[in-house]
Amino acid sequence: MNFLAHTLFAQGDAERIAGQFCGDFVRGADLSQYPDGIQQGIRRHRRIDAFTDQHPAVRGCLDVFDPPVRRFAGIITDVVFDYLLALDWHKYSEVSLEQHVDLVHAALAEKNHLLPPDLQRFAAFLQRENVLLGNRSYKGVELTLERLSRRSSKFAPLASGAAIAADNKAQISAAFDAFFPELLAIERARIE
């Protein structure tokens, strides 16, 4: 999943929110340089990614993408899944999406000194561009994939990912509806 979904699983805890973001910026198994909450967030991020990548419904919806876009199908579906989550946020959280995004921005600011430099820069961009709230519109998906496509020439196929996903929204939505409640139940059971 992408950042909106990952932060949903952080239970509003600033270190876990920061850790969920660190999951995409920190490599390796040695997490000892981070406080416990950030370590927990990184581990949860990795567990969620592994579950998502292996889920049959998710794997099935990746087939809508042909080469060369297929190579980036996981990234595209992650971004679209955050859009689908934002549309039905009220089903999954007791706080509004706006409140949640404010909490995420505050957590990243509070824990900024603990974040890797690339994540520090990304956190500033995330807030400045209001990326998480941008998930409420499909324009947010298009903009995110366009930005990612400009990272290097090898990422260029991502630019067409939003249109392909839009053409196959029913299948991608069905995959999200099949897998996300299952992931939510598993992760909530780990908390209790």
N, C-alpha and C. Protein backbone atom coordinates (compact mmCIF):
# COMPACT_ATOMS: atom_id res chain seq x y z
N MET A 1 0.84 -1.18 0.00
CA MET A 1 0.00 0.00 0.00
C MET A 1 0.88 1.24 0.00
N ASN A 2 0.25 2.37 -0.20
CA ASN A 2 0.99 3.61 -0.18
C ASN A 2 0.82 4.29 1.17
N PHE A 3 1.25 5.53 1.27
CA PHE A 3 1.39 6.19 2.56
C PHE A 3 0.09 6.38 3.32
N LEU A 4 -0.99 6.67 2.66
CA LEU A 4 -2.24 6.87 3.37
C LEU A 4 -2.64 5.61 4.12
N ALA A 5 -2.60 4.49 3.45
CA ALA A 5 -2.96 3.23 4.09
C ALA A 5 -1.97 2.87 5.19
N HIS A 6 -0.69 3.04 4.91
CA HIS A 6 0.31 2.72 5.94
C HIS A 6 0.08 3.52 7.20
N THR A 7 -0.21 4.80 7.07
CA THR A 7 -0.39 5.62 8.27
C THR A 7 -1.67 5.29 9.01
N LEU A 8 -2.67 4.77 8.32
CA LEU A 8 -3.89 4.32 9.00
C LEU A 8 -3.56 3.28 10.05
N PHE A 9 -2.58 2.42 9.76
CA PHE A 9 -2.22 1.34 10.67
C PHE A 9 -1.29 1.77 11.80
N ALA A 10 -0.94 3.03 11.86
CA ALA A 10 -0.03 3.52 12.90
C ALA A 10 -0.75 3.92 14.18
N GLN A 11 -2.05 3.80 14.22
CA GLN A 11 -2.88 4.10 15.40
C GLN A 11 -2.65 5.49 15.98
N GLY A 12 -2.31 6.45 15.14
CA GLY A 12 -2.14 7.82 15.61
C GLY A 12 -0.88 8.08 16.40
N ASP A 13 0.01 7.10 16.49
CA ASP A 13 1.25 7.24 17.25
C ASP A 13 2.33 7.88 16.36
N ALA A 14 2.92 8.97 16.83
CA ALA A 14 3.88 9.73 16.01
C ALA A 14 5.07 8.88 15.58
N GLU A 15 5.63 8.09 16.47
CA GLU A 15 6.78 7.27 16.09
C GLU A 15 6.38 6.21 15.07
N ARG A 16 5.23 5.61 15.27
CA ARG A 16 4.79 4.58 14.32
C ARG A 16 4.47 5.18 12.95
N ILE A 17 3.90 6.38 12.95
CA ILE A 17 3.66 7.06 11.68
C ILE A 17 4.98 7.30 10.97
N ALA A 18 5.95 7.84 11.70
CA ALA A 18 7.28 8.08 11.12
C ALA A 18 7.88 6.77 10.62
N GLY A 19 7.72 5.71 11.40
CA GLY A 19 8.25 4.40 11.01
C GLY A 19 7.59 3.86 9.76
N GLN A 20 6.28 4.09 9.63
CA GLN A 20 5.59 3.64 8.43
C GLN A 20 6.17 4.32 7.19
N PHE A 21 6.53 5.58 7.30
CA PHE A 21 7.18 6.27 6.19
C PHE A 21 8.60 5.75 5.99
N CYS A 22 9.30 5.53 7.08
CA CYS A 22 10.68 5.03 6.99
C CYS A 22 10.75 3.71 6.25
N GLY A 23 9.67 2.95 6.27
CA GLY A 23 9.65 1.66 5.59
C GLY A 23 10.06 1.73 4.13
N ASP A 24 9.82 2.86 3.49
CA ASP A 24 10.22 3.03 2.09
C ASP A 24 11.57 3.71 1.93
N PHE A 25 12.18 4.13 3.04
CA PHE A 25 13.42 4.89 2.97
C PHE A 25 14.58 4.23 3.71
N VAL A 26 14.30 3.21 4.49
CA VAL A 26 15.31 2.53 5.30
C VAL A 26 15.48 1.11 4.78
N ARG A 27 16.71 0.70 4.59
CA ARG A 27 17.02 -0.65 4.11
C ARG A 27 17.70 -1.43 5.24
N GLY A 28 17.64 -2.75 5.11
CA GLY A 28 18.36 -3.61 6.03
C GLY A 28 17.53 -4.02 7.24
N ALA A 29 18.08 -4.99 7.97
CA ALA A 29 17.39 -5.55 9.13
C ALA A 29 17.78 -4.86 10.44
N ASP A 30 18.93 -4.22 10.48
CA ASP A 30 19.38 -3.57 11.70
C ASP A 30 18.69 -2.21 11.84
N LEU A 31 17.73 -2.15 12.72
CA LEU A 31 16.96 -0.93 12.95
C LEU A 31 17.29 -0.30 14.30
N SER A 32 18.38 -0.76 14.91
CA SER A 32 18.70 -0.37 16.29
C SER A 32 18.94 1.12 16.47
N GLN A 33 19.21 1.84 15.41
CA GLN A 33 19.43 3.28 15.55
C GLN A 33 18.13 4.05 15.76
N TYR A 34 16.98 3.38 15.63
CA TYR A 34 15.69 4.03 15.75
C TYR A 34 15.00 3.65 17.07
N PRO A 35 14.18 4.56 17.60
CA PRO A 35 13.38 4.22 18.78
C PRO A 35 12.41 3.08 18.47
N ASP A 36 11.91 2.44 19.52
CA ASP A 36 11.04 1.27 19.37
C ASP A 36 9.83 1.54 18.46
N GLY A 37 9.18 2.68 18.64
CA GLY A 37 7.99 2.97 17.83
C GLY A 37 8.30 3.05 16.35
N ILE A 38 9.41 3.66 16.00
CA ILE A 38 9.80 3.74 14.59
C ILE A 38 10.15 2.35 14.07
N GLN A 39 10.86 1.57 14.87
CA GLN A 39 11.16 0.19 14.46
C GLN A 39 9.87 -0.59 14.20
N GLN A 40 8.90 -0.42 15.10
CA GLN A 40 7.62 -1.12 14.91
C GLN A 40 6.94 -0.66 13.62
N GLY A 41 6.99 0.64 13.35
CA GLY A 41 6.39 1.16 12.13
C GLY A 41 7.06 0.61 10.88
N ILE A 42 8.39 0.53 10.90
CA ILE A 42 9.12 -0.02 9.74
C ILE A 42 8.75 -1.48 9.53
N ARG A 43 8.73 -2.24 10.61
CA ARG A 43 8.39 -3.67 10.49
C ARG A 43 6.96 -3.85 9.99
N ARG A 44 6.03 -3.04 10.50
CA ARG A 44 4.65 -3.14 10.05
C ARG A 44 4.56 -2.77 8.57
N HIS A 45 5.26 -1.73 8.17
CA HIS A 45 5.26 -1.32 6.76
C HIS A 45 5.70 -2.50 5.88
N ARG A 46 6.77 -3.13 6.26
CA ARG A 46 7.29 -4.25 5.47
C ARG A 46 6.32 -5.42 5.46
N ARG A 47 5.69 -5.68 6.59
CA ARG A 47 4.72 -6.77 6.67
C ARG A 47 3.51 -6.48 5.78
N ILE A 48 3.03 -5.24 5.82
CA ILE A 48 1.88 -4.84 5.00
C ILE A 48 2.23 -4.95 3.52
N ASP A 49 3.41 -4.49 3.15
CA ASP A 49 3.83 -4.59 1.75
C ASP A 49 3.89 -6.05 1.30
N ALA A 50 4.46 -6.90 2.13
CA ALA A 50 4.57 -8.32 1.78
C ALA A 50 3.18 -8.95 1.62
N PHE A 51 2.28 -8.65 2.55
CA PHE A 51 0.93 -9.18 2.47
C PHE A 51 0.24 -8.70 1.19
N THR A 52 0.36 -7.40 0.92
CA THR A 52 -0.28 -6.82 -0.26
C THR A 52 0.26 -7.45 -1.54
N ASP A 53 1.57 -7.54 -1.63
CA ASP A 53 2.20 -8.07 -2.84
C ASP A 53 1.85 -9.53 -3.11
N GLN A 54 1.55 -10.28 -2.07
CA GLN A 54 1.26 -11.71 -2.24
C GLN A 54 -0.23 -12.02 -2.30
N HIS A 55 -1.08 -11.07 -2.02
CA HIS A 55 -2.51 -11.35 -1.98
C HIS A 55 -3.03 -11.67 -3.39
N PRO A 56 -3.78 -12.76 -3.52
CA PRO A 56 -4.26 -13.17 -4.85
C PRO A 56 -5.10 -12.10 -5.56
N ALA A 57 -5.91 -11.37 -4.84
CA ALA A 57 -6.73 -10.34 -5.48
C ALA A 57 -5.86 -9.23 -6.05
N VAL A 58 -4.83 -8.86 -5.31
CA VAL A 58 -3.92 -7.81 -5.78
C VAL A 58 -3.12 -8.31 -6.97
N ARG A 59 -2.59 -9.51 -6.84
CA ARG A 59 -1.79 -10.07 -7.95
C ARG A 59 -2.62 -10.19 -9.22
N GLY A 60 -3.90 -10.54 -9.07
CA GLY A 60 -4.78 -10.67 -10.23
C GLY A 60 -5.02 -9.36 -10.94
N CYS A 61 -5.12 -8.27 -10.18
CA CYS A 61 -5.41 -6.99 -10.85
C CYS A 61 -4.18 -6.40 -11.53
N LEU A 62 -3.01 -6.91 -11.24
CA LEU A 62 -1.80 -6.41 -11.90
C LEU A 62 -1.77 -6.79 -13.38
N ASP A 63 -2.55 -7.80 -13.74
CA ASP A 63 -2.56 -8.28 -15.12
C ASP A 63 -3.17 -7.29 -16.11
N VAL A 64 -3.81 -6.24 -15.61
CA VAL A 64 -4.39 -5.26 -16.53
C VAL A 64 -3.31 -4.38 -17.17
N PHE A 65 -2.10 -4.46 -16.65
CA PHE A 65 -1.00 -3.64 -17.16
C PHE A 65 -0.10 -4.47 -18.06
N ASP A 66 0.11 -4.01 -19.28
CA ASP A 66 1.01 -4.67 -20.22
C ASP A 66 2.38 -4.02 -20.15
N PRO A 67 3.43 -4.75 -20.60
CA PRO A 67 4.76 -4.14 -20.66
C PRO A 67 4.73 -2.90 -21.56
N PRO A 68 5.50 -1.90 -21.26
CA PRO A 68 6.48 -1.78 -20.18
C PRO A 68 5.89 -1.28 -18.87
N VAL A 69 4.60 -0.94 -18.88
CA VAL A 69 3.97 -0.42 -17.66
C VAL A 69 3.84 -1.52 -16.60
N ARG A 70 3.71 -2.76 -17.03
CA ARG A 70 3.54 -3.90 -16.11
C ARG A 70 4.62 -3.93 -15.04
N ARG A 71 5.81 -3.53 -15.38
CA ARG A 71 6.92 -3.52 -14.43
C ARG A 71 6.61 -2.64 -13.22
N PHE A 72 5.74 -1.65 -13.40
CA PHE A 72 5.41 -0.69 -12.35
C PHE A 72 3.99 -0.88 -11.82
N ALA A 73 3.38 -2.00 -12.14
CA ALA A 73 1.99 -2.24 -11.76
C ALA A 73 1.78 -2.17 -10.26
N GLY A 74 2.73 -2.65 -9.49
CA GLY A 74 2.59 -2.59 -8.03
C GLY A 74 2.55 -1.17 -7.52
N ILE A 75 3.39 -0.32 -8.06
CA ILE A 75 3.40 1.09 -7.66
C ILE A 75 2.09 1.75 -8.05
N ILE A 76 1.64 1.49 -9.25
CA ILE A 76 0.40 2.10 -9.74
C ILE A 76 -0.78 1.68 -8.87
N THR A 77 -0.88 0.40 -8.60
CA THR A 77 -2.02 -0.05 -7.79
C THR A 77 -1.92 0.50 -6.37
N ASP A 78 -0.72 0.63 -5.81
CA ASP A 78 -0.58 1.24 -4.49
C ASP A 78 -1.18 2.64 -4.47
N VAL A 79 -0.85 3.41 -5.49
CA VAL A 79 -1.35 4.79 -5.57
C VAL A 79 -2.87 4.79 -5.74
N VAL A 80 -3.38 3.93 -6.60
CA VAL A 80 -4.83 3.85 -6.81
C VAL A 80 -5.52 3.34 -5.55
N PHE A 81 -4.92 2.40 -4.84
CA PHE A 81 -5.51 1.91 -3.60
C PHE A 81 -5.63 3.04 -2.57
N ASP A 82 -4.65 3.93 -2.49
CA ASP A 82 -4.78 5.06 -1.57
C ASP A 82 -5.94 5.97 -1.98
N TYR A 83 -6.13 6.15 -3.26
CA TYR A 83 -7.28 6.91 -3.76
C TYR A 83 -8.59 6.23 -3.34
N LEU A 84 -8.68 4.92 -3.50
CA LEU A 84 -9.89 4.19 -3.12
C LEU A 84 -10.11 4.26 -1.61
N LEU A 85 -9.04 4.18 -0.86
CA LEU A 85 -9.14 4.31 0.59
C LEU A 85 -9.65 5.70 0.97
N ALA A 86 -9.11 6.73 0.35
CA ALA A 86 -9.53 8.10 0.66
C ALA A 86 -11.02 8.31 0.36
N LEU A 87 -11.50 7.71 -0.73
CA LEU A 87 -12.92 7.86 -1.08
C LEU A 87 -13.83 7.30 0.00
N ASP A 88 -13.42 6.20 0.62
CA ASP A 88 -14.25 5.55 1.64
C ASP A 88 -13.61 5.61 3.02
N TRP A 89 -12.84 6.64 3.26
CA TRP A 89 -12.09 6.77 4.52
C TRP A 89 -12.98 6.55 5.74
N HIS A 90 -14.18 7.08 5.71
CA HIS A 90 -15.10 6.99 6.85
C HIS A 90 -15.41 5.54 7.24
N LYS A 91 -15.25 4.61 6.32
CA LYS A 91 -15.48 3.19 6.63
C LYS A 91 -14.37 2.60 7.49
N TYR A 92 -13.19 3.21 7.44
CA TYR A 92 -12.02 2.60 8.04
C TYR A 92 -11.45 3.37 9.23
N SER A 93 -11.91 4.59 9.45
CA SER A 93 -11.35 5.41 10.51
C SER A 93 -12.44 6.23 11.19
N GLU A 94 -12.26 6.42 12.49
CA GLU A 94 -13.20 7.23 13.25
C GLU A 94 -12.88 8.72 13.16
N VAL A 95 -11.69 9.06 12.70
CA VAL A 95 -11.32 10.47 12.52
C VAL A 95 -11.43 10.81 11.04
N SER A 96 -11.69 12.06 10.77
CA SER A 96 -11.82 12.47 9.37
C SER A 96 -10.48 12.36 8.67
N LEU A 97 -10.53 12.32 7.37
CA LEU A 97 -9.29 12.27 6.58
C LEU A 97 -8.46 13.52 6.84
N GLU A 98 -9.10 14.66 6.94
CA GLU A 98 -8.38 15.91 7.21
C GLU A 98 -7.65 15.85 8.55
N GLN A 99 -8.33 15.34 9.58
CA GLN A 99 -7.70 15.21 10.90
C GLN A 99 -6.52 14.24 10.84
N HIS A 100 -6.71 13.15 10.12
CA HIS A 100 -5.64 12.16 10.00
C HIS A 100 -4.43 12.76 9.30
N VAL A 101 -4.65 13.48 8.23
CA VAL A 101 -3.54 14.09 7.49
C VAL A 101 -2.82 15.11 8.37
N ASP A 102 -3.57 15.90 9.13
CA ASP A 102 -2.93 16.85 10.06
C ASP A 102 -2.06 16.11 11.07
N LEU A 103 -2.56 14.99 11.57
CA LEU A 103 -1.80 14.18 12.53
C LEU A 103 -0.52 13.64 11.89
N VAL A 104 -0.61 13.18 10.66
CA VAL A 104 0.57 12.66 9.95
C VAL A 104 1.60 13.76 9.77
N HIS A 105 1.17 14.93 9.32
CA HIS A 105 2.11 16.04 9.12
C HIS A 105 2.77 16.43 10.44
N ALA A 106 1.99 16.47 11.52
CA ALA A 106 2.54 16.83 12.83
C ALA A 106 3.54 15.77 13.30
N ALA A 107 3.23 14.51 13.08
CA ALA A 107 4.14 13.42 13.50
C ALA A 107 5.46 13.50 12.74
N LEU A 108 5.38 13.72 11.44
CA LEU A 108 6.61 13.80 10.65
C LEU A 108 7.44 15.02 11.06
N ALA A 109 6.79 16.11 11.40
CA ALA A 109 7.52 17.29 11.87
C ALA A 109 8.17 17.03 13.23
N GLU A 110 7.42 16.40 14.12
CA GLU A 110 7.93 16.11 15.47
C GLU A 110 9.11 15.15 15.43
N LYS A 111 9.08 14.18 14.56
CA LYS A 111 10.13 13.15 14.50
C LYS A 111 11.13 13.41 13.38
N ASN A 112 11.09 14.60 12.80
CA ASN A 112 11.93 14.92 11.66
C ASN A 112 13.41 14.63 11.91
N HIS A 113 13.89 14.92 13.10
CA HIS A 113 15.31 14.72 13.41
C HIS A 113 15.73 13.25 13.39
N LEU A 114 14.76 12.36 13.43
CA LEU A 114 15.04 10.92 13.41
C LEU A 114 14.95 10.31 12.00
N LEU A 115 14.47 11.10 11.06
CA LEU A 115 14.21 10.57 9.71
C LEU A 115 15.46 10.63 8.84
N PRO A 116 15.59 9.67 7.91
CA PRO A 116 16.67 9.76 6.92
C PRO A 116 16.52 11.05 6.10
N PRO A 117 17.64 11.61 5.62
CA PRO A 117 17.57 12.88 4.88
C PRO A 117 16.59 12.88 3.69
N ASP A 118 16.54 11.79 2.94
CA ASP A 118 15.60 11.73 1.81
C ASP A 118 14.15 11.83 2.29
N LEU A 119 13.87 11.21 3.43
CA LEU A 119 12.52 11.27 3.97
C LEU A 119 12.23 12.65 4.56
N GLN A 120 13.22 13.30 5.12
CA GLN A 120 13.01 14.67 5.60
C GLN A 120 12.57 15.57 4.46
N ARG A 121 13.24 15.44 3.32
CA ARG A 121 12.86 16.25 2.15
C ARG A 121 11.46 15.86 1.64
N PHE A 122 11.20 14.55 1.62
CA PHE A 122 9.91 14.10 1.14
C PHE A 122 8.79 14.56 2.07
N ALA A 123 9.02 14.54 3.37
CA ALA A 123 8.00 14.97 4.33
C ALA A 123 7.62 16.43 4.11
N ALA A 124 8.61 17.26 3.83
CA ALA A 124 8.34 18.68 3.55
C ALA A 124 7.52 18.81 2.27
N PHE A 125 7.87 18.05 1.25
CA PHE A 125 7.13 18.05 -0.02
C PHE A 125 5.70 17.55 0.20
N LEU A 126 5.55 16.48 0.97
CA LEU A 126 4.25 15.87 1.24
C LEU A 126 3.29 16.90 1.82
N GLN A 127 3.79 17.68 2.77
CA GLN A 127 2.93 18.69 3.40
C GLN A 127 2.72 19.88 2.46
N ARG A 128 3.78 20.37 1.87
CA ARG A 128 3.69 21.53 0.99
C ARG A 128 2.69 21.30 -0.15
N GLU A 129 2.73 20.10 -0.75
CA GLU A 129 1.86 19.78 -1.89
C GLU A 129 0.54 19.13 -1.47
N ASN A 130 0.37 18.91 -0.18
CA ASN A 130 -0.84 18.30 0.37
C ASN A 130 -1.18 16.99 -0.34
N VAL A 131 -0.18 16.15 -0.48
CA VAL A 131 -0.29 14.92 -1.26
C VAL A 131 -1.33 13.96 -0.69
N LEU A 132 -1.36 13.79 0.63
CA LEU A 132 -2.28 12.81 1.21
C LEU A 132 -3.74 13.19 0.98
N LEU A 133 -4.08 14.46 1.13
CA LEU A 133 -5.46 14.88 0.83
C LEU A 133 -5.74 14.83 -0.66
N GLY A 134 -4.70 14.93 -1.47
CA GLY A 134 -4.86 14.83 -2.91
C GLY A 134 -5.39 13.48 -3.35
N ASN A 135 -5.31 12.48 -2.47
CA ASN A 135 -5.82 11.16 -2.79
C ASN A 135 -7.34 11.13 -2.96
N ARG A 136 -8.03 12.17 -2.53
CA ARG A 136 -9.49 12.18 -2.66
C ARG A 136 -9.95 12.37 -4.09
N SER A 137 -9.05 12.73 -4.97
CA SER A 137 -9.39 12.97 -6.36
C SER A 137 -8.51 12.10 -7.26
N TYR A 138 -9.08 11.64 -8.37
CA TYR A 138 -8.26 10.84 -9.29
C TYR A 138 -7.14 11.68 -9.90
N LYS A 139 -7.32 13.01 -9.88
CA LYS A 139 -6.24 13.90 -10.31
C LYS A 139 -5.01 13.69 -9.45
N GLY A 140 -5.21 13.34 -8.18
CA GLY A 140 -4.09 13.06 -7.29
C GLY A 140 -3.31 11.84 -7.75
N VAL A 141 -4.02 10.83 -8.22
CA VAL A 141 -3.36 9.63 -8.77
C VAL A 141 -2.54 10.03 -9.99
N GLU A 142 -3.16 10.77 -10.89
CA GLU A 142 -2.47 11.19 -12.12
C GLU A 142 -1.22 12.01 -11.80
N LEU A 143 -1.36 12.93 -10.87
CA LEU A 143 -0.24 13.80 -10.51
C LEU A 143 0.89 13.00 -9.86
N THR A 144 0.55 12.11 -8.95
CA THR A 144 1.57 11.29 -8.28
C THR A 144 2.33 10.44 -9.30
N LEU A 145 1.61 9.78 -10.18
CA LEU A 145 2.28 8.92 -11.17
C LEU A 145 3.10 9.74 -12.17
N GLU A 146 2.61 10.91 -12.51
CA GLU A 146 3.37 11.81 -13.39
C GLU A 146 4.67 12.23 -12.71
N ARG A 147 4.59 12.60 -11.44
CA ARG A 147 5.80 12.99 -10.70
C ARG A 147 6.80 11.84 -10.64
N LEU A 148 6.30 10.65 -10.34
CA LEU A 148 7.18 9.47 -10.26
C LEU A 148 7.81 9.17 -11.62
N SER A 149 7.07 9.40 -12.69
CA SER A 149 7.58 9.10 -14.03
C SER A 149 8.77 9.99 -14.39
N ARG A 150 8.88 11.13 -13.75
CA ARG A 150 9.96 12.07 -14.05
C ARG A 150 11.23 11.82 -13.24
N ARG A 151 11.21 10.83 -12.36
CA ARG A 151 12.39 10.55 -11.54
C ARG A 151 13.60 10.15 -12.38
N SER A 152 13.35 9.36 -13.40
CA SER A 152 14.40 8.96 -14.34
C SER A 152 13.72 8.39 -15.57
N SER A 153 14.49 8.20 -16.63
CA SER A 153 13.90 7.69 -17.87
C SER A 153 13.32 6.29 -17.69
N LYS A 154 13.88 5.50 -16.80
CA LYS A 154 13.35 4.14 -16.61
C LYS A 154 11.96 4.15 -15.96
N PHE A 155 11.60 5.26 -15.29
CA PHE A 155 10.28 5.38 -14.67
C PHE A 155 9.24 6.00 -15.60
N ALA A 156 9.64 6.40 -16.79
CA ALA A 156 8.74 7.06 -17.73
C ALA A 156 7.42 6.32 -17.98
N PRO A 157 7.40 4.97 -18.04
CA PRO A 157 6.13 4.28 -18.28
C PRO A 157 5.05 4.55 -17.22
N LEU A 158 5.47 5.01 -16.03
CA LEU A 158 4.48 5.31 -15.00
C LEU A 158 3.49 6.39 -15.44
N ALA A 159 3.91 7.26 -16.34
CA ALA A 159 3.05 8.36 -16.79
C ALA A 159 1.74 7.86 -17.39
N SER A 160 1.76 6.71 -18.02
CA SER A 160 0.53 6.19 -18.63
C SER A 160 -0.25 5.28 -17.67
N GLY A 161 0.28 5.05 -16.50
CA GLY A 161 -0.35 4.14 -15.55
C GLY A 161 -1.72 4.58 -15.06
N ALA A 162 -1.91 5.89 -14.86
CA ALA A 162 -3.19 6.38 -14.36
C ALA A 162 -4.32 6.13 -15.35
N ALA A 163 -4.04 6.34 -16.62
CA ALA A 163 -5.08 6.12 -17.64
C ALA A 163 -5.44 4.65 -17.74
N ILE A 164 -4.44 3.78 -17.69
CA ILE A 164 -4.71 2.34 -17.75
C ILE A 164 -5.51 1.90 -16.53
N ALA A 165 -5.11 2.41 -15.35
CA ALA A 165 -5.84 2.06 -14.13
C ALA A 165 -7.28 2.58 -14.20
N ALA A 166 -7.47 3.77 -14.73
CA ALA A 166 -8.84 4.32 -14.84
C ALA A 166 -9.70 3.45 -15.76
N ASP A 167 -9.10 2.97 -16.85
CA ASP A 167 -9.83 2.09 -17.77
C ASP A 167 -10.19 0.75 -17.13
N ASN A 168 -9.47 0.39 -16.07
CA ASN A 168 -9.68 -0.89 -15.40
C ASN A 168 -10.07 -0.69 -13.94
N LYS A 169 -10.73 0.43 -13.67
CA LYS A 169 -11.06 0.79 -12.28
C LYS A 169 -11.91 -0.28 -11.59
N ALA A 170 -12.85 -0.86 -12.30
CA ALA A 170 -13.73 -1.86 -11.69
C ALA A 170 -12.93 -3.04 -11.16
N GLN A 171 -11.98 -3.54 -11.94
CA GLN A 171 -11.18 -4.69 -11.51
C GLN A 171 -10.26 -4.31 -10.35
N ILE A 172 -9.66 -3.13 -10.42
CA ILE A 172 -8.75 -2.69 -9.35
C ILE A 172 -9.55 -2.42 -8.07
N SER A 173 -10.73 -1.83 -8.21
CA SER A 173 -11.58 -1.59 -7.04
C SER A 173 -12.02 -2.91 -6.41
N ALA A 174 -12.34 -3.88 -7.22
CA ALA A 174 -12.74 -5.19 -6.70
C ALA A 174 -11.59 -5.84 -5.94
N ALA A 175 -10.38 -5.70 -6.45
CA ALA A 175 -9.20 -6.24 -5.76
C ALA A 175 -9.02 -5.55 -4.41
N PHE A 176 -9.16 -4.23 -4.38
CA PHE A 176 -9.04 -3.49 -3.13
C PHE A 176 -10.11 -3.95 -2.14
N ASP A 177 -11.34 -4.07 -2.61
CA ASP A 177 -12.45 -4.48 -1.73
C ASP A 177 -12.28 -5.90 -1.21
N ALA A 178 -11.59 -6.74 -1.97
CA ALA A 178 -11.36 -8.12 -1.54
C ALA A 178 -10.23 -8.21 -0.52
N PHE A 179 -9.19 -7.42 -0.72
CA PHE A 179 -8.02 -7.60 0.13
C PHE A 179 -7.92 -6.64 1.31
N PHE A 180 -8.38 -5.38 1.17
CA PHE A 180 -8.13 -4.41 2.23
C PHE A 180 -8.83 -4.75 3.54
N PRO A 181 -10.10 -5.16 3.53
CA PRO A 181 -10.72 -5.54 4.81
C PRO A 181 -9.99 -6.70 5.49
N GLU A 182 -9.44 -7.61 4.70
CA GLU A 182 -8.67 -8.72 5.25
C GLU A 182 -7.39 -8.21 5.92
N LEU A 183 -6.68 -7.32 5.24
CA LEU A 183 -5.48 -6.72 5.80
C LEU A 183 -5.81 -5.95 7.07
N LEU A 184 -6.89 -5.19 7.04
CA LEU A 184 -7.31 -4.41 8.19
C LEU A 184 -7.58 -5.31 9.39
N ALA A 185 -8.28 -6.41 9.18
CA ALA A 185 -8.58 -7.35 10.27
C ALA A 185 -7.31 -7.96 10.84
N ILE A 186 -6.38 -8.35 9.98
CA ILE A 186 -5.13 -8.94 10.43
C ILE A 186 -4.32 -7.95 11.26
N GLU A 187 -4.19 -6.74 10.76
CA GLU A 187 -3.39 -5.74 11.47
C GLU A 187 -4.06 -5.28 12.76
N ARG A 188 -5.35 -5.17 12.77
CA ARG A 188 -6.04 -4.78 14.01
C ARG A 188 -5.94 -5.89 15.06
N ALA A 189 -5.96 -7.13 14.63
CA ALA A 189 -5.81 -8.24 15.56
C ALA A 189 -4.42 -8.24 16.19
N ARG A 190 -3.42 -7.80 15.47
CA ARG A 190 -2.06 -7.72 16.02
C ARG A 190 -1.94 -6.64 17.07
N ILE A 191 -2.77 -5.61 16.99
CA ILE A 191 -2.75 -4.51 17.95
C ILE A 191 -3.39 -4.92 19.26
N GLU A 192 -4.46 -5.66 19.17
CA GLU A 192 -5.25 -6.00 20.37
C GLU A 192 -4.60 -7.07 21.21
